[in-house]
N, C-alpha and C. Protein backbone atom coordinates (compact mmCIF):
# COMPACT_ATOMS: atom_id res chain seq x y z
N MET A 1 4.90 -0.70 22.28
CA MET A 1 5.25 -0.29 20.94
C MET A 1 6.57 -0.96 20.54
N LYS A 2 6.59 -1.52 19.32
CA LYS A 2 7.80 -2.17 18.80
C LYS A 2 8.09 -1.67 17.39
N LYS A 3 9.33 -1.28 17.16
CA LYS A 3 9.79 -0.90 15.82
C LYS A 3 10.37 -2.13 15.15
N ILE A 4 9.82 -2.47 13.97
CA ILE A 4 10.20 -3.69 13.27
C ILE A 4 10.93 -3.35 11.98
N LEU A 5 12.03 -4.06 11.72
CA LEU A 5 12.69 -4.03 10.43
C LEU A 5 12.40 -5.36 9.75
N LEU A 6 11.83 -5.31 8.56
CA LEU A 6 11.46 -6.51 7.81
C LEU A 6 12.34 -6.62 6.57
N LEU A 7 13.00 -7.76 6.46
CA LEU A 7 13.84 -7.99 5.30
C LEU A 7 13.66 -9.41 4.79
N SER A 8 14.14 -9.65 3.60
CA SER A 8 14.04 -10.96 2.99
C SER A 8 15.11 -11.11 1.93
N ASP A 9 15.33 -12.34 1.55
CA ASP A 9 16.19 -12.67 0.41
C ASP A 9 17.56 -11.98 0.49
N THR A 10 18.24 -12.21 1.61
CA THR A 10 19.61 -11.71 1.75
C THR A 10 20.58 -12.54 0.92
N HIS A 11 20.26 -13.80 0.69
CA HIS A 11 21.12 -14.68 -0.13
C HIS A 11 22.58 -14.59 0.30
N SER A 12 22.82 -14.77 1.60
CA SER A 12 24.15 -14.79 2.22
C SER A 12 24.84 -13.44 2.33
N PHE A 13 24.11 -12.35 2.05
CA PHE A 13 24.72 -11.02 2.04
C PHE A 13 24.19 -10.16 3.18
N ILE A 14 25.11 -9.54 3.89
CA ILE A 14 24.74 -8.52 4.88
C ILE A 14 25.86 -7.48 4.89
N ASP A 15 25.49 -6.22 5.02
CA ASP A 15 26.49 -5.16 4.98
C ASP A 15 26.17 -4.07 5.99
N LYS A 16 26.99 -3.04 6.03
CA LYS A 16 26.82 -1.95 6.99
C LYS A 16 25.52 -1.20 6.78
N GLN A 17 25.06 -1.11 5.53
CA GLN A 17 23.79 -0.41 5.26
C GLN A 17 22.63 -1.13 5.94
N ILE A 18 22.58 -2.43 5.80
CA ILE A 18 21.52 -3.21 6.45
C ILE A 18 21.65 -3.08 7.96
N LEU A 19 22.86 -3.23 8.47
CA LEU A 19 23.08 -3.20 9.92
C LEU A 19 22.75 -1.85 10.53
N LYS A 20 22.89 -0.79 9.77
CA LYS A 20 22.49 0.54 10.27
C LYS A 20 21.01 0.53 10.65
N TYR A 21 20.18 -0.07 9.80
CA TYR A 21 18.74 -0.14 10.07
C TYR A 21 18.42 -1.19 11.14
N VAL A 22 19.19 -2.26 11.19
CA VAL A 22 19.01 -3.26 12.25
C VAL A 22 19.15 -2.59 13.61
N LYS A 23 20.15 -1.76 13.77
CA LYS A 23 20.42 -1.09 15.05
C LYS A 23 19.29 -0.15 15.46
N GLN A 24 18.52 0.35 14.50
CA GLN A 24 17.43 1.28 14.80
C GLN A 24 16.13 0.57 15.19
N ALA A 25 16.05 -0.74 14.98
CA ALA A 25 14.83 -1.50 15.22
C ALA A 25 14.82 -2.09 16.63
N ASP A 26 13.62 -2.44 17.09
CA ASP A 26 13.50 -3.22 18.32
C ASP A 26 13.62 -4.71 18.02
N GLU A 27 13.10 -5.12 16.85
CA GLU A 27 13.18 -6.50 16.39
C GLU A 27 13.42 -6.50 14.89
N VAL A 28 14.05 -7.56 14.41
CA VAL A 28 14.25 -7.77 12.98
C VAL A 28 13.51 -9.05 12.60
N TRP A 29 12.77 -8.98 11.48
CA TRP A 29 12.09 -10.15 10.94
C TRP A 29 12.67 -10.44 9.57
N HIS A 30 12.99 -11.72 9.32
CA HIS A 30 13.57 -12.13 8.04
C HIS A 30 12.64 -13.15 7.40
N ALA A 31 12.16 -12.85 6.19
CA ALA A 31 11.17 -13.69 5.52
C ALA A 31 11.79 -14.72 4.57
N GLY A 32 12.95 -15.23 4.90
CA GLY A 32 13.52 -16.37 4.20
C GLY A 32 14.50 -16.06 3.09
N ASP A 33 15.11 -17.16 2.59
CA ASP A 33 16.26 -17.11 1.70
C ASP A 33 17.38 -16.32 2.37
N ILE A 34 17.70 -16.80 3.56
CA ILE A 34 18.78 -16.23 4.37
C ILE A 34 20.11 -16.46 3.67
N GLY A 35 20.32 -17.68 3.20
CA GLY A 35 21.51 -18.01 2.42
C GLY A 35 22.65 -18.58 3.25
N ALA A 36 23.00 -17.95 4.33
CA ALA A 36 24.08 -18.43 5.21
C ALA A 36 23.73 -18.05 6.64
N ILE A 37 23.98 -18.97 7.55
CA ILE A 37 23.64 -18.73 8.96
C ILE A 37 24.40 -17.53 9.53
N GLU A 38 25.51 -17.16 8.91
CA GLU A 38 26.27 -15.99 9.37
C GLU A 38 25.45 -14.71 9.29
N VAL A 39 24.51 -14.64 8.35
CA VAL A 39 23.64 -13.47 8.23
C VAL A 39 22.82 -13.31 9.50
N THR A 40 22.14 -14.37 9.89
CA THR A 40 21.30 -14.27 11.09
C THR A 40 22.14 -14.20 12.37
N ASP A 41 23.29 -14.86 12.38
CA ASP A 41 24.18 -14.74 13.54
C ASP A 41 24.61 -13.29 13.76
N THR A 42 24.85 -12.58 12.68
CA THR A 42 25.25 -11.16 12.77
C THR A 42 24.10 -10.32 13.32
N ILE A 43 22.88 -10.59 12.84
CA ILE A 43 21.72 -9.82 13.30
C ILE A 43 21.45 -10.05 14.78
N VAL A 44 21.47 -11.31 15.22
CA VAL A 44 21.10 -11.61 16.62
C VAL A 44 22.12 -11.08 17.62
N LYS A 45 23.30 -10.73 17.17
CA LYS A 45 24.26 -10.08 18.06
C LYS A 45 23.81 -8.67 18.41
N LEU A 46 22.93 -8.10 17.55
CA LEU A 46 22.48 -6.72 17.73
C LEU A 46 21.04 -6.60 18.22
N LYS A 47 20.14 -7.44 17.70
CA LYS A 47 18.71 -7.31 17.99
C LYS A 47 18.04 -8.67 17.99
N PRO A 48 16.89 -8.79 18.66
CA PRO A 48 16.11 -10.03 18.56
C PRO A 48 15.67 -10.26 17.12
N LEU A 49 15.62 -11.53 16.72
CA LEU A 49 15.31 -11.90 15.34
C LEU A 49 14.21 -12.96 15.31
N ARG A 50 13.26 -12.78 14.41
CA ARG A 50 12.27 -13.80 14.07
C ARG A 50 12.47 -14.06 12.58
N ALA A 51 12.58 -15.33 12.20
CA ALA A 51 12.89 -15.64 10.81
C ALA A 51 12.26 -16.97 10.40
N VAL A 52 12.22 -17.18 9.09
CA VAL A 52 11.81 -18.45 8.50
C VAL A 52 12.85 -18.82 7.46
N TYR A 53 12.90 -20.10 7.12
CA TYR A 53 13.80 -20.49 6.04
C TYR A 53 13.10 -20.36 4.70
N GLY A 54 13.91 -20.23 3.66
CA GLY A 54 13.39 -20.13 2.31
C GLY A 54 13.85 -21.29 1.45
N ASN A 55 13.48 -21.28 0.20
CA ASN A 55 13.75 -22.40 -0.69
C ASN A 55 15.23 -22.59 -1.00
N ILE A 56 16.06 -21.56 -0.86
CA ILE A 56 17.49 -21.74 -1.15
C ILE A 56 18.31 -22.09 0.10
N ASP A 57 17.67 -22.10 1.24
CA ASP A 57 18.41 -22.29 2.49
C ASP A 57 18.82 -23.74 2.72
N ASP A 58 20.03 -23.90 3.25
CA ASP A 58 20.58 -25.23 3.50
C ASP A 58 20.06 -25.80 4.82
N ASN A 59 20.53 -27.00 5.16
CA ASN A 59 20.05 -27.69 6.37
C ASN A 59 20.37 -26.93 7.64
N GLU A 60 21.49 -26.24 7.69
CA GLU A 60 21.83 -25.48 8.89
C GLU A 60 20.80 -24.39 9.16
N VAL A 61 20.41 -23.66 8.13
CA VAL A 61 19.40 -22.63 8.27
C VAL A 61 18.04 -23.26 8.56
N ARG A 62 17.69 -24.33 7.85
CA ARG A 62 16.40 -25.01 8.04
C ARG A 62 16.27 -25.61 9.44
N ASN A 63 17.38 -26.02 10.02
CA ASN A 63 17.34 -26.55 11.38
C ASN A 63 17.28 -25.44 12.43
N SER A 64 17.59 -24.22 12.02
CA SER A 64 17.58 -23.08 12.95
C SER A 64 16.28 -22.30 12.94
N PHE A 65 15.54 -22.35 11.80
CA PHE A 65 14.33 -21.56 11.65
C PHE A 65 13.22 -22.41 11.04
N PRO A 66 11.96 -22.08 11.35
CA PRO A 66 10.84 -22.86 10.83
C PRO A 66 10.41 -22.42 9.42
N LEU A 67 9.55 -23.21 8.81
CA LEU A 67 8.92 -22.84 7.54
C LEU A 67 7.93 -21.71 7.76
N ASP A 68 7.19 -21.78 8.86
CA ASP A 68 6.18 -20.78 9.24
C ASP A 68 6.49 -20.26 10.63
N ASN A 69 6.38 -18.97 10.80
CA ASN A 69 6.55 -18.37 12.12
C ASN A 69 5.28 -17.58 12.40
N LYS A 70 4.47 -18.10 13.32
CA LYS A 70 3.22 -17.44 13.70
C LYS A 70 3.31 -17.00 15.14
N PHE A 71 2.93 -15.74 15.39
CA PHE A 71 3.03 -15.18 16.72
C PHE A 71 2.15 -13.94 16.80
N THR A 72 1.97 -13.44 18.01
CA THR A 72 1.28 -12.18 18.23
C THR A 72 2.22 -11.26 18.99
N LEU A 73 2.34 -10.04 18.51
CA LEU A 73 3.20 -9.05 19.14
C LEU A 73 2.45 -7.72 19.17
N GLU A 74 2.41 -7.09 20.32
CA GLU A 74 1.72 -5.81 20.48
C GLU A 74 0.27 -5.88 20.00
N GLY A 75 -0.36 -7.03 20.20
CA GLY A 75 -1.76 -7.18 19.82
C GLY A 75 -2.00 -7.43 18.34
N VAL A 76 -0.94 -7.65 17.56
CA VAL A 76 -1.05 -7.92 16.12
C VAL A 76 -0.65 -9.37 15.87
N SER A 77 -1.58 -10.15 15.30
CA SER A 77 -1.25 -11.52 14.92
C SER A 77 -0.50 -11.50 13.60
N VAL A 78 0.59 -12.29 13.53
CA VAL A 78 1.52 -12.26 12.41
C VAL A 78 1.79 -13.68 11.91
N TRP A 79 1.91 -13.82 10.61
CA TRP A 79 2.36 -15.06 10.00
C TRP A 79 3.44 -14.71 8.99
N ILE A 80 4.64 -15.25 9.21
CA ILE A 80 5.75 -15.09 8.26
C ILE A 80 6.01 -16.45 7.62
N THR A 81 6.06 -16.49 6.31
CA THR A 81 6.46 -17.68 5.56
C THR A 81 7.15 -17.19 4.29
N HIS A 82 8.04 -17.99 3.73
CA HIS A 82 8.81 -17.48 2.59
C HIS A 82 7.99 -17.40 1.31
N ILE A 83 7.32 -18.48 0.95
CA ILE A 83 6.57 -18.53 -0.30
C ILE A 83 5.08 -18.57 0.03
N ALA A 84 4.36 -17.54 -0.37
CA ALA A 84 2.93 -17.45 -0.08
C ALA A 84 2.10 -17.11 -1.30
N GLY A 85 2.63 -16.34 -2.21
CA GLY A 85 1.83 -15.74 -3.27
C GLY A 85 1.34 -14.39 -2.77
N TYR A 86 0.23 -13.92 -3.37
CA TYR A 86 -0.29 -12.60 -3.04
C TYR A 86 -1.80 -12.66 -2.92
N PRO A 87 -2.44 -11.62 -2.39
CA PRO A 87 -3.90 -11.61 -2.34
C PRO A 87 -4.50 -11.97 -3.71
N ASN A 88 -5.49 -12.84 -3.66
CA ASN A 88 -6.15 -13.40 -4.84
C ASN A 88 -5.27 -14.36 -5.64
N ARG A 89 -4.02 -14.58 -5.18
CA ARG A 89 -3.10 -15.49 -5.87
C ARG A 89 -2.23 -16.26 -4.87
N TYR A 90 -2.77 -16.61 -3.71
CA TYR A 90 -2.01 -17.38 -2.73
C TYR A 90 -1.83 -18.80 -3.24
N ASN A 91 -0.72 -19.44 -2.85
CA ASN A 91 -0.58 -20.85 -3.18
C ASN A 91 -1.54 -21.68 -2.32
N GLN A 92 -1.75 -22.92 -2.69
CA GLN A 92 -2.76 -23.76 -2.05
C GLN A 92 -2.51 -23.93 -0.55
N ARG A 93 -1.26 -24.16 -0.15
CA ARG A 93 -0.93 -24.36 1.28
C ARG A 93 -1.34 -23.14 2.10
N VAL A 94 -1.00 -21.97 1.61
CA VAL A 94 -1.30 -20.73 2.32
C VAL A 94 -2.80 -20.46 2.32
N ARG A 95 -3.43 -20.63 1.19
CA ARG A 95 -4.88 -20.40 1.09
C ARG A 95 -5.65 -21.30 2.05
N THR A 96 -5.24 -22.56 2.17
CA THR A 96 -5.90 -23.48 3.10
C THR A 96 -5.79 -22.97 4.53
N GLN A 97 -4.60 -22.52 4.92
CA GLN A 97 -4.41 -22.02 6.28
C GLN A 97 -5.16 -20.71 6.50
N LEU A 98 -5.19 -19.84 5.51
CA LEU A 98 -5.92 -18.57 5.65
C LEU A 98 -7.41 -18.81 5.80
N ASN A 99 -7.94 -19.83 5.15
CA ASN A 99 -9.36 -20.16 5.30
C ASN A 99 -9.67 -20.62 6.72
N TYR A 100 -8.68 -21.19 7.38
CA TYR A 100 -8.84 -21.66 8.75
C TYR A 100 -8.56 -20.55 9.76
N ASP A 101 -7.51 -19.78 9.52
CA ASP A 101 -7.09 -18.76 10.48
C ASP A 101 -6.30 -17.68 9.75
N SER A 102 -6.87 -16.49 9.64
CA SER A 102 -6.19 -15.39 8.97
C SER A 102 -5.69 -14.37 9.99
N PRO A 103 -4.37 -14.20 10.09
CA PRO A 103 -3.83 -13.20 11.01
C PRO A 103 -4.04 -11.79 10.47
N LYS A 104 -3.65 -10.82 11.25
CA LYS A 104 -3.79 -9.41 10.85
C LYS A 104 -2.69 -9.00 9.86
N LEU A 105 -1.55 -9.70 9.91
CA LEU A 105 -0.39 -9.36 9.09
C LEU A 105 0.20 -10.65 8.51
N VAL A 106 0.27 -10.73 7.17
CA VAL A 106 0.87 -11.87 6.48
C VAL A 106 2.10 -11.36 5.74
N ILE A 107 3.23 -12.04 5.97
CA ILE A 107 4.51 -11.60 5.42
C ILE A 107 5.14 -12.75 4.64
N CYS A 108 5.66 -12.42 3.46
CA CYS A 108 6.41 -13.41 2.70
C CYS A 108 7.58 -12.73 2.01
N GLY A 109 8.39 -13.52 1.35
CA GLY A 109 9.51 -13.04 0.54
C GLY A 109 9.43 -13.71 -0.81
N HIS A 110 10.54 -14.24 -1.27
CA HIS A 110 10.68 -15.11 -2.43
C HIS A 110 10.67 -14.39 -3.77
N SER A 111 9.75 -13.49 -4.03
CA SER A 111 9.60 -12.91 -5.37
C SER A 111 10.64 -11.84 -5.69
N HIS A 112 11.30 -11.30 -4.69
CA HIS A 112 12.22 -10.16 -4.82
C HIS A 112 11.49 -8.89 -5.26
N ILE A 113 10.16 -8.90 -5.16
CA ILE A 113 9.35 -7.74 -5.54
C ILE A 113 8.69 -7.17 -4.29
N LEU A 114 8.99 -5.94 -3.97
CA LEU A 114 8.38 -5.29 -2.81
C LEU A 114 6.90 -5.06 -3.09
N LYS A 115 6.05 -5.52 -2.17
CA LYS A 115 4.61 -5.31 -2.31
C LYS A 115 4.01 -5.06 -0.93
N VAL A 116 3.12 -4.10 -0.87
CA VAL A 116 2.31 -3.81 0.31
C VAL A 116 0.88 -3.79 -0.19
N MET A 117 0.07 -4.74 0.27
CA MET A 117 -1.30 -4.87 -0.24
C MET A 117 -2.24 -5.20 0.91
N TYR A 118 -3.44 -4.66 0.85
CA TYR A 118 -4.45 -5.07 1.81
C TYR A 118 -5.32 -6.14 1.16
N ASP A 119 -5.50 -7.24 1.86
CA ASP A 119 -6.33 -8.34 1.36
C ASP A 119 -7.72 -8.22 1.96
N LYS A 120 -8.68 -7.78 1.15
CA LYS A 120 -10.05 -7.59 1.63
C LYS A 120 -10.74 -8.91 1.94
N LYS A 121 -10.42 -9.95 1.19
CA LYS A 121 -11.07 -11.24 1.41
C LYS A 121 -10.72 -11.80 2.79
N TYR A 122 -9.44 -11.78 3.15
CA TYR A 122 -9.00 -12.34 4.43
C TYR A 122 -8.78 -11.28 5.51
N ASN A 123 -8.99 -10.03 5.16
CA ASN A 123 -8.92 -8.93 6.13
C ASN A 123 -7.57 -8.84 6.83
N HIS A 124 -6.50 -8.80 6.03
CA HIS A 124 -5.17 -8.62 6.60
C HIS A 124 -4.30 -7.78 5.67
N LEU A 125 -3.22 -7.27 6.24
CA LEU A 125 -2.21 -6.56 5.47
C LEU A 125 -1.18 -7.59 5.00
N HIS A 126 -0.85 -7.54 3.73
CA HIS A 126 0.12 -8.47 3.14
C HIS A 126 1.39 -7.68 2.80
N LEU A 127 2.53 -8.13 3.32
CA LEU A 127 3.81 -7.44 3.08
C LEU A 127 4.84 -8.38 2.48
N ASN A 128 5.54 -7.89 1.48
CA ASN A 128 6.73 -8.53 0.96
C ASN A 128 7.78 -7.43 0.86
N PRO A 129 8.89 -7.54 1.62
CA PRO A 129 9.87 -6.45 1.62
C PRO A 129 10.78 -6.40 0.41
N GLY A 130 10.56 -7.28 -0.56
CA GLY A 130 11.47 -7.34 -1.70
C GLY A 130 12.73 -8.08 -1.30
N ALA A 131 13.85 -7.74 -1.89
CA ALA A 131 15.12 -8.42 -1.60
C ALA A 131 16.17 -7.38 -1.21
N VAL A 132 16.90 -7.70 -0.14
CA VAL A 132 17.94 -6.78 0.32
C VAL A 132 19.34 -7.31 0.00
N GLY A 133 19.41 -8.53 -0.51
CA GLY A 133 20.69 -9.09 -0.92
C GLY A 133 21.10 -8.60 -2.29
N LYS A 134 22.20 -9.14 -2.78
CA LYS A 134 22.71 -8.72 -4.09
C LYS A 134 22.52 -9.78 -5.16
N HIS A 135 21.89 -10.89 -4.81
CA HIS A 135 21.66 -11.98 -5.77
C HIS A 135 20.20 -11.98 -6.22
N GLY A 136 19.97 -12.02 -7.51
CA GLY A 136 18.60 -12.07 -8.02
C GLY A 136 18.38 -11.04 -9.11
N PHE A 137 17.15 -10.97 -9.58
CA PHE A 137 16.84 -10.09 -10.71
C PHE A 137 16.44 -8.68 -10.30
N HIS A 138 16.22 -8.45 -8.99
CA HIS A 138 15.80 -7.12 -8.55
C HIS A 138 16.91 -6.10 -8.85
N LYS A 139 16.50 -4.87 -9.04
CA LYS A 139 17.47 -3.82 -9.36
C LYS A 139 17.83 -2.98 -8.13
N ILE A 140 16.88 -2.78 -7.26
CA ILE A 140 17.08 -1.98 -6.04
C ILE A 140 16.92 -2.89 -4.83
N ARG A 141 17.83 -2.78 -3.88
CA ARG A 141 17.73 -3.53 -2.63
C ARG A 141 16.73 -2.83 -1.72
N THR A 142 15.76 -3.58 -1.20
CA THR A 142 14.69 -2.96 -0.41
C THR A 142 14.43 -3.71 0.90
N MET A 143 13.89 -2.97 1.86
CA MET A 143 13.42 -3.49 3.14
C MET A 143 12.19 -2.66 3.52
N LEU A 144 11.50 -3.10 4.55
CA LEU A 144 10.38 -2.33 5.12
C LEU A 144 10.63 -2.14 6.60
N ARG A 145 10.11 -1.04 7.12
CA ARG A 145 10.08 -0.90 8.57
C ARG A 145 8.75 -0.29 8.95
N PHE A 146 8.30 -0.64 10.16
CA PHE A 146 7.00 -0.20 10.63
C PHE A 146 6.97 -0.36 12.14
N THR A 147 5.89 0.13 12.72
CA THR A 147 5.70 0.05 14.16
C THR A 147 4.44 -0.74 14.46
N LEU A 148 4.51 -1.59 15.45
CA LEU A 148 3.33 -2.26 15.98
C LEU A 148 3.03 -1.62 17.33
N ASP A 149 1.76 -1.24 17.51
CA ASP A 149 1.40 -0.55 18.75
C ASP A 149 -0.07 -0.79 19.05
N LYS A 150 -0.34 -1.47 20.14
CA LYS A 150 -1.71 -1.67 20.64
C LYS A 150 -2.66 -2.16 19.55
N GLY A 151 -2.25 -3.19 18.83
CA GLY A 151 -3.11 -3.79 17.81
C GLY A 151 -3.08 -3.11 16.47
N THR A 152 -2.25 -2.10 16.29
CA THR A 152 -2.19 -1.39 15.01
C THR A 152 -0.81 -1.53 14.36
N ILE A 153 -0.81 -1.43 13.04
CA ILE A 153 0.40 -1.40 12.25
C ILE A 153 0.50 0.01 11.69
N LYS A 154 1.56 0.72 12.03
CA LYS A 154 1.64 2.11 11.59
C LYS A 154 3.06 2.50 11.22
N ASN A 155 3.18 3.69 10.67
CA ASN A 155 4.48 4.25 10.26
C ASN A 155 5.23 3.35 9.29
N LEU A 156 4.51 2.72 8.37
CA LEU A 156 5.14 1.84 7.39
C LEU A 156 6.01 2.65 6.44
N GLU A 157 7.24 2.20 6.28
CA GLU A 157 8.21 2.93 5.47
C GLU A 157 8.98 1.97 4.57
N ILE A 158 9.14 2.33 3.32
CA ILE A 158 9.96 1.57 2.38
C ILE A 158 11.38 2.11 2.48
N ILE A 159 12.33 1.20 2.59
CA ILE A 159 13.74 1.57 2.62
C ILE A 159 14.37 1.06 1.33
N GLU A 160 14.89 1.96 0.54
CA GLU A 160 15.60 1.60 -0.69
C GLU A 160 17.07 1.85 -0.48
N LEU A 161 17.87 0.81 -0.74
CA LEU A 161 19.32 0.93 -0.70
C LEU A 161 19.81 1.10 -2.13
N GLU A 162 21.10 1.11 -2.32
CA GLU A 162 21.63 1.35 -3.66
C GLU A 162 21.27 0.22 -4.62
N LYS A 163 21.44 0.46 -5.89
CA LYS A 163 21.24 -0.57 -6.88
C LYS A 163 22.23 -1.70 -6.59
N ARG A 164 21.77 -2.91 -6.82
CA ARG A 164 22.65 -4.04 -6.54
C ARG A 164 23.67 -4.16 -7.63
């Protein structure tokens, strides 16, 4: 069993509120637009991190993290990428890969809009944790946390922080 904290779009921002939840997780996943390598450096001092780079990330972040992070944990196949779209509206790159291989859990960021959707066509759960940073059009800073256990995704929880 693994407790996961999922965040995205920090845009170079990390604070005590985020770190409080980092400390409660077994792993932290970041779905891109990290903004500054100091954000991920801070997280990895506390917990294991899996991350991807996003469209605003510089060469230092891009050299540290991949565009796509595919792995299996606790029997759940996972794909994290920053820009994906949504069920019935995936971008061409993502749709092509999903036609070839669809994991059980697809995670993206980019939109700053928190979404949890089940994709019936590709038979996976689609997650976007919204944005936890202070840059962007979102009004509430959000993250997700959940548990992976023996092939299941459970205890999914939305975390809302203060208005940005």
